[in-house]
């Protein structure tokens, strides 16, 4: 066996060097609403329509299954947060439990995820704003640039302003869903006709039942549904900037499960009870479809405002989280040193500006291929989501193993069923990749990017490993074998 090298350096349970200098201005209400906002986005407001049309009412089961695995991931992350709160979140935990190579991979895949998601978000904002005739003459690339400038400014001011903005974005999304569900329940209870048909269970049974097109479309749609829950891991990053993570995080994490059941599963069940599944389309929000069929004025305008809010919320979260992740990486030497710089408001502006800079490329994409920009980047982001969730579960596996060896102590707030739950979740994530390949066309082309991304990561590691070794030496850390022997 070759001797260990300093490239395998990991941190200890002490604080990540990248955590120094942050304020603790995020309150309990901010964390709770960020947890909600991370689980509710355009994947529900827009994506549910096309998925209902292809999979039928059983889409509710798909949302429930994917929501369960999303909960497993965030519950595992919650336990790691209570072990050691860190703004570096899973990158910091990867450094401790998987080594610097693990942290490097986790960090840059997360940056790939959010920079491409950011491009998709500013593209979506431009498309949503074009919905109103007042803005149709403004070029799509200019609207995208304005959206990016606004959210970038908010992120650079202070974490408190970010928290407030995300709080109100989440309020809008939750209020819209609650309002729709209240209308849907009213229609069911009063048996008010929707598109000339009385709502109820018979709408499902008369349209082919739960699986009108069979089981296969429901299985295939899983690979799209899982990405609707992207950003639930954001709660781990915010924990480093709240004064009482041990109180706030468990409460916020536990609330995610019932919110998924109510908002995702509940909404889809309501949609399926109101009109036949084939009455929905991918080109229109399913909520707009229902509201327009009962004659609600300006239903399209209201829902367009909601999905616009969801896109701005996602962009806001992406700049925030990558700023913190890149600072953690910069302090360890695996990201450019300037991405770890902080301003006088205790905001890591270097990493935020890097992310925004890549998003500016997205503005160019909107200029060159405005019709394809959204599709191109969203599929790359999908790989980042899967890798992030997988690394969180791998970190938790090692964490639990070390706890069983008596080398550290697990907090009272734990992921139940370990290691079975982690292994099942990892198998599920691998299955999603297989489904992407089986789906053909866009999904298959996305999977074919994996060797290219892997090659870029390997090349990047050889470029930074000397700096990683130097930072580890300066911090007085040994190799993994050395630390494990303590």
Protein backbone atom coordinates (compact mmCIF):
# COMPACT_ATOMS: atom_id res chain seq x y z
CA UNK A 1 0.00 0.00 0.00
CA UNK A 2 1.42 3.43 -0.93
CA UNK A 3 2.08 5.83 1.93
CA UNK A 4 -0.64 8.41 2.64
CA UNK A 5 -0.18 11.82 1.09
CA UNK A 6 -1.16 15.26 2.29
CA UNK A 7 -3.74 15.37 -0.52
CA UNK A 8 -5.88 13.21 1.75
CA UNK A 9 -5.95 15.86 4.43
CA UNK A 10 -9.20 16.19 6.31
CA UNK A 11 -10.44 18.51 8.96
CA UNK A 12 -11.22 17.57 12.52
CA UNK A 13 -14.43 18.27 14.38
CA UNK A 14 -13.19 21.77 15.11
CA UNK A 15 -14.65 24.67 13.22
CA UNK A 16 -13.97 25.03 9.52
CA UNK A 17 -11.54 27.89 8.86
CA UNK A 18 -14.06 29.21 6.35
CA UNK A 19 -16.63 29.76 9.11
CA UNK A 20 -14.74 32.62 10.72
CA UNK A 21 -16.12 36.14 10.37
CA UNK A 22 -19.79 35.46 9.70
CA UNK A 23 -22.59 37.30 11.46
CA UNK A 24 -25.42 35.36 13.11
CA UNK A 25 -28.26 37.46 11.75
CA UNK A 26 -30.54 34.72 10.41
CA UNK A 27 -33.48 34.24 12.79
CA UNK A 28 -35.69 31.22 13.34
CA UNK A 29 -38.39 32.61 11.02
CA UNK A 30 -35.80 33.05 8.25
CA UNK A 31 -34.53 29.46 8.56
CA UNK A 32 -38.04 28.01 8.69
CA UNK A 33 -39.20 29.89 5.60
CA UNK A 34 -35.96 29.10 3.74
CA UNK A 35 -36.64 25.43 4.52
CA UNK A 36 -40.11 25.79 3.00
CA UNK A 37 -38.85 27.81 0.05
CA UNK A 38 -36.18 25.23 -0.70
CA UNK A 39 -38.86 22.56 -1.08
CA UNK A 40 -41.30 24.60 -3.18
CA UNK A 41 -40.43 26.03 -6.57
CA UNK A 42 -41.17 26.03 -10.27
CA UNK A 43 -40.97 22.22 -10.27
CA UNK A 44 -44.41 22.29 -8.67
CA UNK A 45 -45.87 25.53 -10.00
CA UNK A 46 -44.98 24.78 -13.63
CA UNK A 47 -43.65 21.22 -13.91
CA UNK A 48 -46.64 19.45 -12.36
CA UNK A 49 -48.85 20.13 -15.39
CA UNK A 50 -46.78 18.23 -17.94
CA UNK A 51 -46.03 15.43 -15.47
CA UNK A 52 -49.72 14.99 -14.67
CA UNK A 53 -50.49 14.75 -18.37
CA UNK A 54 -47.90 12.00 -18.87
CA UNK A 55 -48.11 9.99 -15.62
CA UNK A 56 -51.69 10.62 -14.49
CA UNK A 57 -52.88 10.94 -10.85
CA UNK A 58 -50.13 8.54 -9.70
CA UNK A 59 -47.84 11.57 -9.99
CA UNK A 60 -48.80 12.17 -6.34
CA UNK A 61 -47.05 8.87 -5.47
CA UNK A 62 -43.95 9.97 -7.41
CA UNK A 63 -43.84 13.24 -5.46
CA UNK A 64 -44.28 11.32 -2.19
CA UNK A 65 -41.45 8.87 -2.99
CA UNK A 66 -39.01 11.58 -4.10
CA UNK A 67 -40.07 13.75 -1.16
CA UNK A 68 -39.25 10.90 1.23
CA UNK A 69 -35.71 10.58 -0.15
CA UNK A 70 -35.29 14.36 -0.08
CA UNK A 71 -36.28 14.22 3.59
CA UNK A 72 -33.72 11.46 4.25
CA UNK A 73 -31.01 13.66 2.71
CA UNK A 74 -31.92 16.76 4.68
CA UNK A 75 -32.37 14.75 7.90
CA UNK A 76 -28.86 13.31 7.48
CA UNK A 77 -27.56 16.81 6.82
CA UNK A 78 -29.40 18.06 9.90
CA UNK A 79 -27.57 15.55 12.07
CA UNK A 80 -24.23 16.63 10.61
CA UNK A 81 -25.17 20.27 11.28
CA UNK A 82 -25.78 19.50 14.96
CA UNK A 83 -22.46 17.66 15.06
CA UNK A 84 -20.77 20.84 13.83
CA UNK A 85 -22.66 23.83 12.35
CA UNK A 86 -20.78 25.21 9.35
CA UNK A 87 -21.47 27.65 6.54
CA UNK A 88 -19.34 25.32 4.42
CA UNK A 89 -22.07 22.72 5.08
CA UNK A 90 -21.62 19.42 3.24
CA UNK A 91 -18.30 20.59 1.73
CA UNK A 92 -16.95 21.06 5.22
CA UNK A 93 -18.32 17.65 6.24
CA UNK A 94 -16.87 16.05 3.12
CA UNK A 95 -13.49 17.46 4.15
CA UNK A 96 -13.85 15.90 7.58
CA UNK A 97 -15.20 12.51 6.55
CA UNK A 98 -14.14 11.96 2.93
CA UNK A 99 -10.92 13.96 2.68
CA UNK A 100 -9.97 17.00 0.63
CA UNK A 101 -10.65 15.24 -2.65
CA UNK A 102 -14.20 14.62 -1.47
CA UNK A 103 -14.60 18.25 -0.39
CA UNK A 104 -13.18 19.47 -3.70
CA UNK A 105 -15.58 17.30 -5.70
CA UNK A 106 -18.56 18.21 -3.53
CA UNK A 107 -17.84 21.92 -3.72
CA UNK A 108 -17.25 22.25 -7.44
CA UNK A 109 -20.21 20.03 -8.36
CA UNK A 110 -22.37 22.25 -6.14
CA UNK A 111 -20.99 25.33 -7.88
CA UNK A 112 -21.76 23.70 -11.25
CA UNK A 113 -25.27 23.01 -9.97
CA UNK A 114 -26.02 26.55 -8.82
CA UNK A 115 -24.25 28.46 -11.58
CA UNK A 116 -26.20 26.55 -14.21
CA UNK A 117 -29.36 26.80 -12.14
CA UNK A 118 -28.72 30.53 -11.87
CA UNK A 119 -28.57 30.78 -15.66
CA UNK A 120 -31.84 28.85 -15.85
CA UNK A 121 -33.36 31.16 -13.23
CA UNK A 122 -32.49 34.42 -14.96
CA UNK A 123 -33.71 32.90 -18.22
CA UNK A 124 -36.97 31.93 -16.53
CA UNK A 125 -37.37 35.41 -15.04
CA UNK A 126 -36.97 36.96 -18.48
CA UNK A 127 -39.51 34.56 -19.97
CA UNK A 128 -42.02 35.18 -17.18
CA UNK A 129 -41.68 38.96 -17.47
CA UNK A 130 -42.27 38.69 -21.22
CA UNK A 131 -45.69 37.23 -20.34
CA UNK A 132 -46.91 40.78 -19.76
CA UNK A 133 -47.28 42.80 -22.96
CA UNK A 134 -45.73 45.85 -21.28
CA UNK A 135 -42.33 44.11 -21.36
CA UNK A 136 -42.44 42.18 -24.62
CA UNK A 137 -40.32 44.72 -26.47
CA UNK A 138 -37.47 44.48 -23.94
CA UNK A 139 -34.81 41.95 -25.08
CA UNK A 140 -34.73 38.71 -23.11
CA UNK A 141 -31.02 39.10 -22.34
CA UNK A 142 -31.57 42.57 -20.83
CA UNK A 143 -34.34 41.34 -18.51
CA UNK A 144 -32.05 38.48 -17.45
CA UNK A 145 -29.24 40.94 -16.69
CA UNK A 146 -31.56 43.18 -14.63
CA UNK A 147 -32.77 40.21 -12.57
CA UNK A 148 -29.19 39.15 -11.88
CA UNK A 149 -28.15 42.69 -10.89
CA UNK A 150 -31.03 43.05 -8.42
CA UNK A 151 -30.42 39.74 -6.64
CA UNK A 152 -26.64 40.24 -6.66
CA UNK A 153 -27.08 43.63 -4.97
CA UNK A 154 -29.30 42.11 -2.28
CA UNK A 155 -26.80 39.33 -1.55
CA UNK A 156 -23.85 41.71 -1.25
CA UNK A 157 -25.54 44.02 1.28
CA UNK A 158 -25.92 41.62 4.22
CA UNK A 159 -27.12 38.17 5.18
CA UNK A 160 -30.03 39.78 7.02
CA UNK A 161 -31.30 41.36 3.79
CA UNK A 162 -30.91 38.00 2.04
CA UNK A 163 -32.91 36.35 4.82
CA UNK A 164 -35.68 38.95 4.60
CA UNK A 165 -35.89 38.65 0.83
CA UNK A 166 -36.05 34.86 0.98
CA UNK A 167 -38.60 35.05 3.82
CA UNK A 168 -41.00 37.11 1.72
CA UNK A 169 -40.38 35.09 -1.44
CA UNK A 170 -41.38 31.99 0.53
CA UNK A 171 -44.43 33.74 1.95
CA UNK A 172 -45.64 34.48 -1.59
CA UNK A 173 -45.15 30.86 -2.70
CA UNK A 174 -46.82 29.36 0.37
CA UNK A 175 -49.71 31.84 0.30
CA UNK A 176 -50.37 31.05 -3.37
CA UNK A 177 -50.45 27.31 -2.69
CA UNK A 178 -52.69 27.66 0.36
CA UNK A 179 -55.07 29.91 -1.57
CA UNK A 180 -55.28 27.41 -4.44
CA UNK A 181 -55.80 24.46 -2.10
CA UNK A 182 -58.55 26.36 -0.27
CA UNK A 183 -60.28 27.02 -3.61
CA UNK A 184 -59.83 23.36 -4.61
CA UNK A 185 -61.31 22.06 -1.36
CA UNK A 186 -64.22 24.50 -1.72
CA UNK A 187 -64.89 23.22 -5.25
CA UNK A 188 -64.88 19.62 -3.99
CA UNK A 189 -67.08 20.24 -0.98
CA UNK A 190 -69.66 22.31 -2.88
CA UNK A 191 -69.44 20.09 -5.98
CA UNK A 192 -69.02 23.22 -8.07
CA UNK A 193 -68.58 22.26 -11.75
CA UNK A 194 -65.09 22.64 -13.22
CA UNK A 195 -65.04 22.81 -17.01
CA UNK A 196 -68.59 21.47 -17.03
CA UNK A 197 -67.80 18.44 -14.87
CA UNK A 198 -68.45 17.83 -11.17
CA UNK A 199 -65.16 17.25 -9.29
CA UNK A 200 -64.51 14.18 -7.14
CA UNK A 201 -63.03 10.67 -7.10
CA UNK A 202 -65.03 9.75 -10.18
CA UNK A 203 -62.83 12.15 -12.20
CA UNK A 204 -59.91 9.79 -11.55
CA UNK A 205 -61.83 6.52 -11.97
CA UNK A 206 -63.53 7.69 -15.19
CA UNK A 207 -60.16 8.69 -16.69
CA UNK A 208 -58.35 5.38 -16.32
CA UNK A 209 -57.66 5.32 -12.58
CA UNK A 210 -54.39 6.10 -10.80
CA UNK A 211 -52.24 4.64 -13.58
CA UNK A 212 -54.06 5.55 -16.82
CA UNK A 213 -50.93 5.04 -18.93
CA UNK A 214 -49.48 2.20 -16.82
CA UNK A 215 -46.64 2.11 -14.29
CA UNK A 216 -43.76 2.92 -16.66
CA UNK A 217 -44.59 6.65 -17.17
CA UNK A 218 -44.73 7.09 -13.38
CA UNK A 219 -41.29 5.49 -12.98
CA UNK A 220 -39.83 7.57 -15.82
CA UNK A 221 -41.23 10.81 -14.39
CA UNK A 222 -39.32 10.19 -11.13
CA UNK A 223 -36.14 11.52 -12.75
CA UNK A 224 -37.87 14.87 -13.30
CA UNK A 225 -39.71 14.98 -9.99
CA UNK A 226 -36.54 14.55 -7.91
CA UNK A 227 -35.21 17.87 -9.21
CA UNK A 228 -38.32 19.64 -7.94
CA UNK A 229 -36.82 19.19 -4.46
CA UNK A 230 -33.43 20.66 -5.34
CA UNK A 231 -32.32 23.28 -2.75
CA UNK A 232 -33.60 21.47 0.35
CA UNK A 233 -29.91 21.16 1.34
CA UNK A 234 -29.73 24.97 1.62
CA UNK A 235 -30.73 24.70 5.26
CA UNK A 236 -27.30 23.24 6.04
CA UNK A 237 -25.56 26.35 4.67
CA UNK A 238 -27.79 28.78 6.56
CA UNK A 239 -27.06 27.00 9.87
CA UNK A 240 -23.65 28.68 10.02
CA UNK A 241 -25.27 32.11 10.23
CA UNK A 242 -27.92 31.55 12.86
CA UNK A 243 -27.34 32.02 16.58
CA UNK A 244 -29.10 28.84 17.73
CA UNK A 245 -28.70 26.11 15.09
CA UNK A 246 -29.27 23.33 17.63
CA UNK A 247 -32.79 24.66 18.25
CA UNK A 248 -33.70 25.99 14.81
CA UNK A 249 -32.39 23.29 12.44
CA UNK A 250 -34.21 20.19 13.84
CA UNK A 251 -37.51 22.09 13.86
CA UNK A 252 -37.03 23.29 10.28
CA UNK A 253 -35.89 19.87 8.99
CA UNK A 254 -38.77 17.99 10.63
CA UNK A 255 -41.27 20.40 9.11
CA UNK A 256 -40.08 19.61 5.58
CA UNK A 257 -41.77 16.18 5.52
CA UNK A 258 -45.28 17.32 6.31
CA UNK A 259 -44.91 20.33 4.04
CA UNK A 260 -43.99 18.00 1.20
CA UNK A 261 -47.08 15.89 1.94
CA UNK A 262 -49.38 18.91 2.13
CA UNK A 263 -48.03 21.10 -0.65
CA UNK A 264 -46.77 18.61 -3.23
CA UNK A 265 -48.84 15.48 -2.70
CA UNK A 266 -51.92 17.41 -1.56
CA UNK A 267 -51.79 19.79 -4.51
CA UNK A 268 -51.43 17.00 -7.08
CA UNK A 269 -54.28 15.01 -5.53
CA UNK A 270 -56.49 18.10 -5.68
CA UNK A 271 -55.54 18.77 -9.30
CA UNK A 272 -56.38 15.17 -10.22
CA UNK A 273 -59.77 15.38 -8.47
CA UNK A 274 -60.79 18.62 -10.17
CA UNK A 275 -60.31 17.83 -13.86
CA UNK A 276 -59.09 14.75 -15.82
CA UNK A 277 -55.32 14.33 -15.94
CA UNK A 278 -55.21 14.79 -19.71
CA UNK A 279 -56.69 18.26 -19.32
CA UNK A 280 -53.30 19.54 -18.14
CA UNK A 281 -50.37 20.49 -20.38
CA UNK A 282 -46.65 21.15 -20.00
CA UNK A 283 -47.05 24.62 -21.49
CA UNK A 284 -49.27 25.98 -18.71
CA UNK A 285 -49.22 25.93 -14.92
CA UNK A 286 -51.78 23.35 -13.74
CA UNK A 287 -53.07 25.88 -11.22
CA UNK A 288 -53.74 28.37 -14.00
CA UNK A 289 -55.52 25.61 -15.94
CA UNK A 290 -57.96 24.98 -13.08
CA UNK A 291 -58.50 28.63 -12.16
CA UNK A 292 -59.11 29.65 -15.76
CA UNK A 293 -61.71 26.88 -16.17
CA UNK A 294 -63.77 28.24 -13.27
CA UNK A 295 -63.52 31.78 -14.56
CA UNK A 296 -61.15 33.31 -12.02
CA UNK A 297 -60.07 36.66 -13.50
CA UNK A 298 -56.37 37.28 -14.02
CA UNK A 299 -55.48 33.72 -12.92
CA UNK A 300 -52.61 33.67 -15.40
CA UNK A 301 -51.25 37.00 -14.18
CA UNK A 302 -51.33 35.94 -10.53
CA UNK A 303 -49.65 32.58 -11.14
CA UNK A 304 -47.08 34.17 -13.43
CA UNK A 305 -46.16 36.49 -10.57
CA UNK A 306 -45.79 33.46 -8.28
CA UNK A 307 -43.50 31.52 -10.63
CA UNK A 308 -41.52 34.73 -11.20
CA UNK A 309 -41.08 34.93 -7.43
CA UNK A 310 -40.02 31.27 -7.32
CA UNK A 311 -37.33 31.87 -9.96
CA UNK A 312 -36.02 34.97 -8.15
CA UNK A 313 -35.99 33.00 -4.89
CA UNK A 314 -33.92 30.23 -6.49
CA UNK A 315 -31.42 32.74 -7.91
CA UNK A 316 -31.21 34.45 -4.52
CA UNK A 317 -30.49 31.13 -2.78
CA UNK A 318 -27.92 30.10 -5.37
CA UNK A 319 -25.79 33.22 -4.97
CA UNK A 320 -26.02 32.95 -1.19
CA UNK A 321 -25.06 29.28 -0.90
CA UNK A 322 -22.25 29.22 -3.46
CA UNK A 323 -20.70 32.27 -1.81
CA UNK A 324 -20.40 30.35 1.46
CA UNK A 325 -19.32 27.09 -0.15
CA UNK A 326 -16.59 28.79 -2.19
CA UNK A 327 -15.27 30.58 0.89
CA UNK A 328 -14.91 27.22 2.68
CA UNK A 329 -13.08 25.83 -0.36
CA UNK A 330 -10.89 28.89 -0.75
CA UNK A 331 -9.70 28.62 2.85
CA UNK A 332 -8.67 25.02 2.13
CA UNK A 333 -6.94 25.91 -1.14
CA UNK A 334 -9.33 24.14 -3.54
CA UNK A 335 -10.88 27.37 -4.90
CA UNK A 336 -9.25 30.66 -5.95
CA UNK A 337 -8.13 32.59 -2.87
CA UNK A 338 -10.12 35.70 -3.81
CA UNK A 339 -13.39 33.73 -3.61
CA UNK A 340 -12.89 33.63 0.15
CA UNK A 341 -12.84 37.42 0.55
CA UNK A 342 -15.46 39.02 2.81
CA UNK A 343 -16.73 42.61 2.84
CA UNK A 344 -17.36 44.78 5.88
CA UNK A 345 -20.93 43.46 6.06
CA UNK A 346 -19.54 39.95 6.72
CA UNK A 347 -20.62 38.73 3.28
CA UNK A 348 -18.27 36.45 1.25
CA UNK A 349 -18.48 38.61 -1.83
CA UNK A 350 -15.69 36.86 -3.76
CA UNK A 351 -17.60 33.61 -4.21
CA UNK A 352 -20.88 35.41 -4.89
CA UNK A 353 -19.27 37.48 -7.63
CA UNK A 354 -17.75 34.35 -9.21
CA UNK A 355 -21.19 32.73 -9.38
CA UNK A 356 -22.74 35.92 -10.74
CA UNK A 357 -19.94 36.10 -13.32
CA UNK A 358 -20.82 32.66 -14.66
CA UNK A 359 -24.48 33.72 -14.72
CA UNK A 360 -23.45 36.64 -16.92
CA UNK A 361 -22.43 33.98 -19.45
CA UNK A 362 -26.04 32.92 -19.20
CA UNK A 363 -27.06 36.41 -20.20
CA UNK A 364 -24.96 35.87 -23.33
CA UNK A 365 -26.67 32.51 -23.85
CA UNK A 366 -30.00 34.32 -23.73
CA UNK A 367 -28.69 36.66 -26.40
CA UNK A 368 -27.36 33.92 -28.72
CA UNK A 369 -29.98 31.16 -28.27
CA UNK A 370 -32.92 32.64 -26.32
CA UNK A 371 -35.17 29.70 -27.16
CA UNK A 372 -32.79 26.99 -25.87
CA UNK A 373 -30.95 28.64 -22.96
CA UNK A 374 -33.25 27.24 -20.27
CA UNK A 375 -33.13 23.63 -21.50
CA UNK A 376 -29.36 23.56 -22.00
CA UNK A 377 -28.36 24.58 -18.49
CA UNK A 378 -31.10 22.89 -16.48
CA UNK A 379 -29.90 19.44 -17.46
CA UNK A 380 -26.33 20.17 -16.34
CA UNK A 381 -27.70 21.39 -12.99
CA UNK A 382 -29.44 18.04 -12.56
CA UNK A 383 -26.10 16.24 -12.21
CA UNK A 384 -25.02 18.71 -9.54
CA UNK A 385 -28.13 18.00 -7.48
CA UNK A 386 -27.59 14.23 -7.59
CA UNK A 387 -23.91 14.48 -6.67
CA UNK A 388 -24.63 16.84 -3.75
CA UNK A 389 -27.24 14.54 -2.26
CA UNK A 390 -25.00 11.50 -2.76
CA UNK A 391 -22.06 13.17 -1.00
CA UNK A 392 -24.25 14.15 1.97
CA UNK A 393 -25.28 10.52 2.41
CA UNK A 394 -21.69 9.26 2.02
CA UNK A 395 -20.54 11.75 4.66
CA UNK A 396 -23.25 10.53 7.00
CA UNK A 397 -22.25 6.90 6.47
CA UNK A 398 -18.67 7.65 7.53
CA UNK A 399 -19.90 9.84 10.39
CA UNK A 400 -22.04 7.01 11.81
CA UNK A 401 -19.22 4.50 11.37
CA UNK A 402 -16.85 6.69 13.36
CA UNK A 403 -19.49 7.15 16.05
CA UNK A 404 -19.85 3.38 16.36
CA UNK A 405 -16.07 3.13 16.69
CA UNK A 406 -16.28 5.55 19.61
CA UNK A 407 -14.29 8.32 17.91
CA UNK A 408 -17.08 10.87 18.04
CA UNK A 409 -20.55 11.18 19.52
CA UNK A 410 -23.79 11.39 17.54
CA UNK A 411 -26.23 14.11 18.60
CA UNK A 412 -29.64 13.09 19.97
CA UNK A 413 -31.21 14.28 16.70
CA UNK A 414 -30.40 11.43 14.30
CA UNK A 415 -31.25 9.96 10.92
CA UNK A 416 -33.07 6.72 11.83
CA UNK A 417 -32.30 3.43 10.12
CA UNK A 418 -28.62 4.01 9.40
CA UNK A 419 -26.85 2.61 7.38
CA UNK A 420 -29.83 1.07 5.54
CA UNK A 421 -31.43 4.46 4.79
CA UNK A 422 -28.22 5.94 3.35
CA UNK A 423 -27.62 2.90 1.11
CA UNK A 424 -31.21 2.88 -0.16
CA UNK A 425 -30.99 6.61 -0.88
CA UNK A 426 -27.72 6.19 -2.79
CA UNK A 427 -29.28 3.35 -4.80
CA UNK A 428 -32.27 5.58 -5.57
CA UNK A 429 -30.01 8.40 -6.79
CA UNK A 430 -28.12 5.95 -9.00
CA UNK A 431 -31.48 4.77 -10.32
CA UNK A 432 -32.37 8.35 -11.27
CA UNK A 433 -29.25 8.50 -13.45
CA UNK A 434 -30.31 5.24 -15.13
CA UNK A 435 -33.78 6.71 -15.73
CA UNK A 436 -32.23 9.80 -17.27
CA UNK A 437 -30.35 7.58 -19.70
CA UNK A 438 -33.44 5.48 -20.42
CA UNK A 439 -35.49 8.61 -21.11
CA UNK A 440 -33.35 9.25 -24.20
CA UNK A 441 -32.74 12.56 -25.97
CA UNK A 442 -32.05 15.29 -23.36
CA UNK A 443 -31.63 12.91 -20.42
CA UNK A 444 -29.18 10.70 -22.30
CA UNK A 445 -27.14 13.67 -23.49
CA UNK A 446 -26.98 14.88 -19.89
CA UNK A 447 -25.62 11.54 -18.66
CA UNK A 448 -23.06 11.59 -21.47
CA UNK A 449 -21.66 14.79 -19.91
CA UNK A 450 -20.53 12.85 -16.82
CA UNK A 451 -17.16 11.70 -18.30
CA UNK A 452 -16.43 15.28 -19.43
CA UNK A 453 -17.24 16.71 -16.00
CA UNK A 454 -15.16 13.97 -14.34
CA UNK A 455 -12.20 14.78 -16.58
CA UNK A 456 -12.50 18.48 -15.76
CA UNK A 457 -12.60 17.69 -12.03
CA UNK A 458 -9.48 15.50 -12.27
CA UNK A 459 -7.59 18.18 -14.20
CA UNK A 460 -8.70 20.80 -11.71
CA UNK A 461 -7.58 18.69 -8.76
CA UNK A 462 -4.06 18.36 -10.14
CA UNK A 463 -4.03 22.13 -10.58
CA UNK A 464 -4.98 22.88 -6.96
CA UNK A 465 -3.51 19.99 -4.98
CA UNK A 466 -0.28 21.85 -4.29
CA UNK A 467 -2.19 24.76 -2.78
CA UNK A 468 -4.39 22.34 -0.79
CA UNK A 469 -1.24 20.70 0.60
CA UNK A 470 0.22 24.09 1.52
CA UNK A 471 -2.97 25.24 3.28
CA UNK A 472 -3.16 21.97 5.21
CA UNK A 473 0.47 22.27 6.26
CA UNK A 474 -0.06 25.87 7.38
CA UNK A 475 -3.11 24.83 9.41
CA UNK A 476 -1.09 22.08 11.09
CA UNK A 477 -3.26 19.21 9.79
CA UNK A 478 -1.85 15.78 9.13
CA UNK A 479 -2.92 13.13 6.70
CA UNK A 480 -6.13 11.22 7.07
CA UNK A 481 -4.25 8.23 8.47
CA UNK A 482 -2.57 10.49 11.01
CA UNK A 483 -5.84 12.01 12.16
CA UNK A 484 -7.57 8.64 12.29
CA UNK A 485 -4.86 7.34 14.61
CA UNK A 486 -5.54 9.99 17.21
